[in-house]
N, C-alpha and C. Protein backbone atom coordinates (compact mmCIF):
# COMPACT_ATOMS: atom_id res chain seq x y z
N MET A 1 0.79 -1.35 0.05
CA MET A 1 0.09 -0.26 -0.08
C MET A 1 1.20 1.25 0.29
N TYR A 2 0.40 2.25 -0.85
CA TYR A 2 1.18 3.55 -0.72
C TYR A 2 1.19 4.34 1.09
N GLU A 3 1.72 5.48 1.05
CA GLU A 3 1.74 5.65 2.38
C GLU A 3 1.91 7.29 1.71
N MET A 4 0.62 7.88 2.48
CA MET A 4 -0.32 9.11 2.10
C MET A 4 0.66 9.97 1.73
N ASN A 5 1.59 10.21 2.92
CA ASN A 5 2.65 11.57 2.68
C ASN A 5 4.28 11.02 2.70
N SER A 6 4.56 10.93 1.67
CA SER A 6 5.20 10.23 1.36
C SER A 6 6.59 11.08 1.53
N GLY A 7 6.85 12.14 1.20
CA GLY A 7 7.66 13.58 1.04
C GLY A 7 7.82 14.02 -0.25
N LEU A 8 7.51 13.13 -1.11
CA LEU A 8 7.48 13.87 -2.66
C LEU A 8 6.44 14.69 -2.66
N GLN A 9 6.98 15.65 -4.04
CA GLN A 9 6.66 17.08 -4.27
C GLN A 9 6.10 15.94 -5.52
N LEU A 10 4.16 16.68 -5.81
CA LEU A 10 3.90 15.46 -6.70
C LEU A 10 3.77 16.76 -7.95
N ALA A 11 3.52 17.59 -7.56
CA ALA A 11 3.47 19.29 -8.26
C ALA A 11 3.84 20.75 -8.29
N ARG A 12 4.53 21.47 -8.86
CA ARG A 12 4.34 22.58 -8.47
C ARG A 12 3.54 23.67 -9.31
N ALA A 13 2.97 24.28 -9.00
CA ALA A 13 2.43 25.81 -10.19
C ALA A 13 3.81 27.17 -10.48
N TYR A 14 3.54 27.35 -11.54
CA TYR A 14 4.45 28.09 -12.44
C TYR A 14 3.18 29.30 -12.57
N ILE A 15 3.07 30.70 -12.05
CA ILE A 15 2.60 31.90 -12.99
C ILE A 15 3.53 32.96 -12.72
N PRO A 16 3.59 33.10 -14.14
CA PRO A 16 4.25 34.27 -14.35
C PRO A 16 3.10 35.67 -14.18
N SER A 17 4.27 36.98 -13.73
CA SER A 17 3.38 38.16 -13.62
C SER A 17 3.12 38.51 -15.07
N GLN A 18 1.74 38.78 -14.69
CA GLN A 18 0.75 39.80 -15.63
C GLN A 18 0.11 40.93 -16.09
N VAL A 19 0.74 41.81 -17.28
CA VAL A 19 0.38 43.35 -16.32
C VAL A 19 -0.74 43.13 -17.56
N PHE A 20 -2.26 43.61 -17.06
CA PHE A 20 -3.24 44.10 -17.51
C PHE A 20 -3.26 44.93 -17.93
N THR A 21 -3.49 45.47 -19.11
CA THR A 21 -3.51 46.87 -19.98
C THR A 21 -4.46 47.51 -20.18
N GLN A 22 -5.01 46.98 -20.95
CA GLN A 22 -6.31 47.09 -21.54
C GLN A 22 -7.73 45.71 -21.17
N ARG A 23 -9.53 46.41 -21.38
CA ARG A 23 -10.45 46.20 -20.72
C ARG A 23 -11.64 46.09 -21.36
N PHE A 24 -11.93 44.44 -22.03
CA PHE A 24 -13.07 45.07 -22.40
C PHE A 24 -13.87 45.53 -21.79
N SER A 25 -15.38 45.86 -22.24
CA SER A 25 -16.66 46.42 -21.87
C SER A 25 -17.16 45.17 -20.88
N ALA A 26 -18.26 45.61 -20.01
CA ALA A 26 -18.46 44.51 -18.99
C ALA A 26 -19.54 43.72 -20.06
N MET A 27 -20.47 44.13 -20.94
CA MET A 27 -21.08 43.32 -21.72
C MET A 27 -20.09 42.20 -22.57
N GLU A 28 -18.87 42.84 -22.68
CA GLU A 28 -18.01 42.05 -23.81
C GLU A 28 -17.63 41.43 -23.20
N GLY A 29 -16.83 41.42 -21.74
CA GLY A 29 -16.21 40.49 -20.69
C GLY A 29 -17.31 39.11 -20.61
N LEU A 30 -18.62 39.58 -20.12
CA LEU A 30 -19.83 38.88 -20.34
C LEU A 30 -19.26 37.36 -20.94
N SER A 31 -19.56 38.20 -22.41
CA SER A 31 -19.98 37.06 -23.59
C SER A 31 -18.50 36.55 -24.12
N LYS A 32 -17.42 37.44 -23.77
CA LYS A 32 -16.42 36.35 -23.76
C LYS A 32 -15.60 35.64 -22.68
N GLY A 33 -15.99 35.88 -21.36
CA GLY A 33 -15.76 34.96 -20.91
C GLY A 33 -14.75 35.53 -19.90
N THR A 34 -13.87 36.68 -19.98
CA THR A 34 -12.60 37.14 -19.58
C THR A 34 -12.92 38.76 -20.44
N ILE A 35 -12.28 39.97 -18.78
CA ILE A 35 -12.31 41.50 -18.95
C ILE A 35 -11.14 41.71 -19.77
N PHE A 36 -9.93 40.86 -19.85
CA PHE A 36 -8.90 41.48 -20.25
C PHE A 36 -8.54 40.70 -21.44
N PRO A 37 -8.34 41.36 -22.33
CA PRO A 37 -7.73 40.88 -23.87
C PRO A 37 -6.68 40.06 -24.02
N GLU A 38 -5.97 40.19 -23.05
CA GLU A 38 -4.38 38.97 -23.11
C GLU A 38 -4.62 37.85 -23.10
N LEU A 39 -6.14 37.67 -21.98
CA LEU A 39 -6.51 36.41 -21.26
C LEU A 39 -7.73 35.53 -22.91
N TYR A 40 -8.27 36.22 -23.35
CA TYR A 40 -8.95 35.66 -24.45
C TYR A 40 -8.91 34.95 -25.51
N MET A 41 -9.18 33.81 -25.29
CA MET A 41 -8.56 32.42 -26.34
C MET A 41 -9.37 31.67 -26.90
N PRO A 42 -10.41 32.34 -28.01
CA PRO A 42 -11.44 31.43 -28.12
C PRO A 42 -10.98 29.86 -28.51
N TYR A 43 -11.73 29.04 -28.57
CA TYR A 43 -11.85 27.59 -29.39
C TYR A 43 -12.27 27.60 -30.57
N HIS A 44 -10.73 27.12 -31.35
CA HIS A 44 -11.77 26.89 -32.71
C HIS A 44 -11.10 25.17 -32.73
N PRO A 45 -11.81 24.15 -33.18
CA PRO A 45 -11.76 23.45 -33.45
C PRO A 45 -10.94 22.89 -34.42
N ARG A 46 -9.88 22.68 -34.12
CA ARG A 46 -9.61 22.10 -36.01
C ARG A 46 -10.81 20.77 -37.36
N ARG A 47 -10.48 20.98 -38.67
CA ARG A 47 -11.59 20.06 -39.27
C ARG A 47 -10.49 19.75 -39.94
N TYR A 48 -10.61 18.47 -40.09
CA TYR A 48 -9.60 17.17 -40.58
C TYR A 48 -10.87 16.98 -42.15
């Protein structure tokens, strides 16, 4: 059986500092899911 806390590090988060200088309007942010244009990445599925 595995020991719950074996002292191993399972993961480490890396979050670079980000500067957000622009903002969408409130209505546009609600429709896009973010108010920051730098974070907006719409999903476009591939077509084969």
